[in-house]
């Protein structure tokens, strides 16, 4: 390689390197969202399927909210369960203004995933939301208004806020 090509390659790395690293960090964080989403949703389904048999049983969503609080308290990430139907099981599941409202609109239109990158106090975060459809008949034990939901339609969402590192 000639000295000119070498210098050009170094210049390109100096200019593009930080942007490439930022893009790689963003993609790692998106992958982390997919992993967490699989784990959390899989856990909720398993608990519902195997342990929720009566109306008096603790719903899996309630148990996972405690898990989400522990993750937030320990500084890992934030997760919220959101209502997409306009009839939340609990008012705290209503989407907040801003990102969550925009995400819910996208999920209502059939998107399975929506995200936005933000910077606060010099730190980058990925805000992401994933659709939750009714996946089993037991869902209507706690959510009777889901009985009329179209198959595959989002009735809820998981809203994530994860540092991009």
Protein backbone atom coordinates (compact mmCIF):
# COMPACT_ATOMS: atom_id res chain seq x y z
CA UNK A 1 0.00 0.00 0.00
CA UNK A 2 1.36 3.39 -0.95
CA UNK A 3 1.86 6.08 1.66
CA UNK A 4 -0.93 8.11 0.05
CA UNK A 5 -3.44 5.26 0.31
CA UNK A 6 -2.35 4.61 3.87
CA UNK A 7 -2.82 8.28 4.78
CA UNK A 8 -6.23 8.30 3.09
CA UNK A 9 -7.27 5.18 5.02
CA UNK A 10 -6.15 6.78 8.30
CA UNK A 11 -8.07 9.94 7.47
CA UNK A 12 -11.18 7.91 6.66
CA UNK A 13 -10.89 6.05 9.97
CA UNK A 14 -10.42 9.31 11.88
CA UNK A 15 -13.54 10.80 10.30
CA UNK A 16 -15.81 7.74 10.07
CA UNK A 17 -14.49 5.72 13.03
CA UNK A 18 -16.52 7.39 15.79
CA UNK A 19 -19.72 7.21 13.72
CA UNK A 20 -19.11 3.53 12.97
CA UNK A 21 -18.54 2.85 16.67
CA UNK A 22 -21.75 4.71 17.57
CA UNK A 23 -23.69 2.69 14.99
CA UNK A 24 -22.21 -0.54 16.39
CA UNK A 25 -23.22 0.47 19.92
CA UNK A 26 -26.75 1.27 18.72
CA UNK A 27 -27.02 -2.11 16.99
CA UNK A 28 -25.75 -3.90 20.12
CA UNK A 29 -28.44 -2.13 22.14
CA UNK A 30 -31.15 -3.09 19.63
CA UNK A 31 -29.96 -6.68 19.94
CA UNK A 32 -30.17 -6.36 23.73
CA UNK A 33 -33.81 -5.20 23.38
CA UNK A 34 -34.61 -8.27 21.27
CA UNK A 35 -33.00 -10.56 23.85
CA UNK A 36 -34.77 -8.94 26.81
CA UNK A 37 -38.05 -8.96 24.91
CA UNK A 38 -37.76 -12.69 24.22
CA UNK A 39 -36.87 -13.42 27.86
CA UNK A 40 -39.58 -11.26 29.40
CA UNK A 41 -42.38 -12.26 27.05
CA UNK A 42 -41.37 -15.91 27.22
CA UNK A 43 -41.38 -15.76 31.02
CA UNK A 44 -44.79 -14.11 31.13
CA UNK A 45 -46.25 -16.76 28.81
CA UNK A 46 -44.68 -19.64 30.79
CA UNK A 47 -45.94 -18.30 34.12
CA UNK A 48 -49.41 -17.66 32.72
CA UNK A 49 -49.55 -21.08 31.07
CA UNK A 50 -48.30 -23.05 34.10
CA UNK A 51 -49.24 -21.08 37.20
CA UNK A 52 -52.23 -18.84 36.47
CA UNK A 53 -55.26 -21.08 36.73
CA UNK A 54 -57.82 -18.99 38.62
CA UNK A 55 -58.85 -15.34 38.77
CA UNK A 56 -57.33 -15.14 42.27
CA UNK A 57 -53.82 -16.09 41.05
CA UNK A 58 -51.22 -13.33 40.72
CA UNK A 59 -51.08 -12.35 37.04
CA UNK A 60 -47.69 -12.82 35.40
CA UNK A 61 -47.70 -9.16 34.35
CA UNK A 62 -47.91 -8.08 37.99
CA UNK A 63 -44.99 -10.34 38.93
CA UNK A 64 -42.91 -9.04 36.03
CA UNK A 65 -43.57 -5.43 36.99
CA UNK A 66 -41.67 -6.21 40.20
CA UNK A 67 -38.85 -7.67 38.12
CA UNK A 68 -38.84 -4.53 35.95
CA UNK A 69 -38.57 -2.33 39.06
CA UNK A 70 -35.56 -4.35 40.25
CA UNK A 71 -33.84 -3.92 36.86
CA UNK A 72 -34.46 -0.15 37.01
CA UNK A 73 -33.34 0.13 40.63
CA UNK A 74 -30.09 -1.65 39.78
CA UNK A 75 -29.48 0.72 36.86
CA UNK A 76 -29.71 -1.89 34.08
CA UNK A 77 -32.63 -0.60 32.04
CA UNK A 78 -36.24 0.48 32.29
CA UNK A 79 -39.23 -1.54 31.08
CA UNK A 80 -42.92 -0.74 31.22
CA UNK A 81 -46.01 -2.65 30.19
CA UNK A 82 -48.25 -0.44 28.07
CA UNK A 83 -51.87 -0.70 27.04
CA UNK A 84 -52.51 -0.26 23.32
CA UNK A 85 -56.31 -0.72 23.38
CA UNK A 86 -57.27 2.47 25.21
CA UNK A 87 -58.76 0.36 28.03
CA UNK A 88 -55.81 -0.24 30.38
CA UNK A 89 -56.02 -2.97 33.02
CA UNK A 90 -54.34 -0.43 35.28
CA UNK A 91 -54.00 3.32 34.60
CA UNK A 92 -50.24 3.14 35.17
CA UNK A 93 -50.11 1.11 31.93
CA UNK A 94 -51.31 4.08 29.87
CA UNK A 95 -48.65 5.32 27.44
CA UNK A 96 -46.80 8.46 28.52
CA UNK A 97 -46.75 11.47 26.20
CA UNK A 98 -43.93 11.52 23.71
CA UNK A 99 -42.13 8.36 22.74
CA UNK A 100 -44.67 5.91 24.20
CA UNK A 101 -47.60 7.64 22.50
CA UNK A 102 -45.76 7.64 19.15
CA UNK A 103 -44.77 3.99 19.62
CA UNK A 104 -48.34 2.91 20.43
CA UNK A 105 -49.58 4.60 17.26
CA UNK A 106 -47.03 2.65 15.19
CA UNK A 107 -47.95 -0.63 16.90
CA UNK A 108 -51.65 0.01 16.27
CA UNK A 109 -50.80 0.36 12.58
CA UNK A 110 -49.32 -3.13 12.55
CA UNK A 111 -45.66 -2.50 13.33
CA UNK A 112 -44.12 -5.08 15.69
CA UNK A 113 -41.24 -2.82 16.78
CA UNK A 114 -40.55 0.91 17.04
CA UNK A 115 -37.53 2.73 18.44
CA UNK A 116 -35.97 6.16 18.87
CA UNK A 117 -32.50 7.19 19.96
CA UNK A 118 -32.26 10.07 22.44
CA UNK A 119 -29.50 11.89 24.30
CA UNK A 120 -30.02 13.16 27.84
CA UNK A 121 -27.31 14.83 29.91
CA UNK A 122 -24.75 13.74 27.32
CA UNK A 123 -25.73 10.05 27.56
CA UNK A 124 -27.32 8.12 24.69
CA UNK A 125 -30.39 5.92 25.21
CA UNK A 126 -32.46 3.68 23.00
CA UNK A 127 -36.18 3.84 23.61
CA UNK A 128 -37.93 0.88 22.02
CA UNK A 129 -41.41 -0.61 22.07
CA UNK A 130 -42.50 -4.07 21.01
CA UNK A 131 -46.02 -5.29 20.35
CA UNK A 132 -47.81 -7.72 22.64
CA UNK A 133 -50.63 -9.63 20.95
CA UNK A 134 -53.07 -11.94 22.73
CA UNK A 135 -51.17 -15.22 22.59
CA UNK A 136 -53.43 -17.55 24.58
CA UNK A 137 -57.04 -17.79 25.72
CA UNK A 138 -55.97 -17.35 29.37
CA UNK A 139 -55.14 -13.70 28.65
CA UNK A 140 -58.83 -12.86 28.89
CA UNK A 141 -58.98 -14.06 32.53
CA UNK A 142 -57.49 -10.73 33.58
CA UNK A 143 -58.29 -8.82 30.40
CA UNK A 144 -61.87 -9.68 29.33
CA UNK A 145 -61.92 -6.81 26.81
CA UNK A 146 -59.21 -8.63 24.81
CA UNK A 147 -61.75 -11.30 23.87
CA UNK A 148 -62.68 -9.29 20.77
CA UNK A 149 -59.08 -8.58 19.73
CA UNK A 150 -58.20 -9.56 16.19
CA UNK A 151 -55.62 -12.39 16.03
CA UNK A 152 -52.11 -10.94 16.02
CA UNK A 153 -53.28 -7.38 16.79
CA UNK A 154 -51.31 -5.53 19.46
CA UNK A 155 -53.25 -5.19 22.70
CA UNK A 156 -50.21 -4.10 24.67
CA UNK A 157 -46.55 -3.21 24.39
CA UNK A 158 -43.28 -3.48 26.22
CA UNK A 159 -41.57 -0.10 26.41
CA UNK A 160 -37.80 -0.18 26.95
CA UNK A 161 -35.26 2.52 27.78
CA UNK A 162 -31.70 1.22 27.63
CA UNK A 163 -28.37 3.05 27.78
CA UNK A 164 -26.39 2.84 24.53
CA UNK A 165 -22.86 1.82 25.53
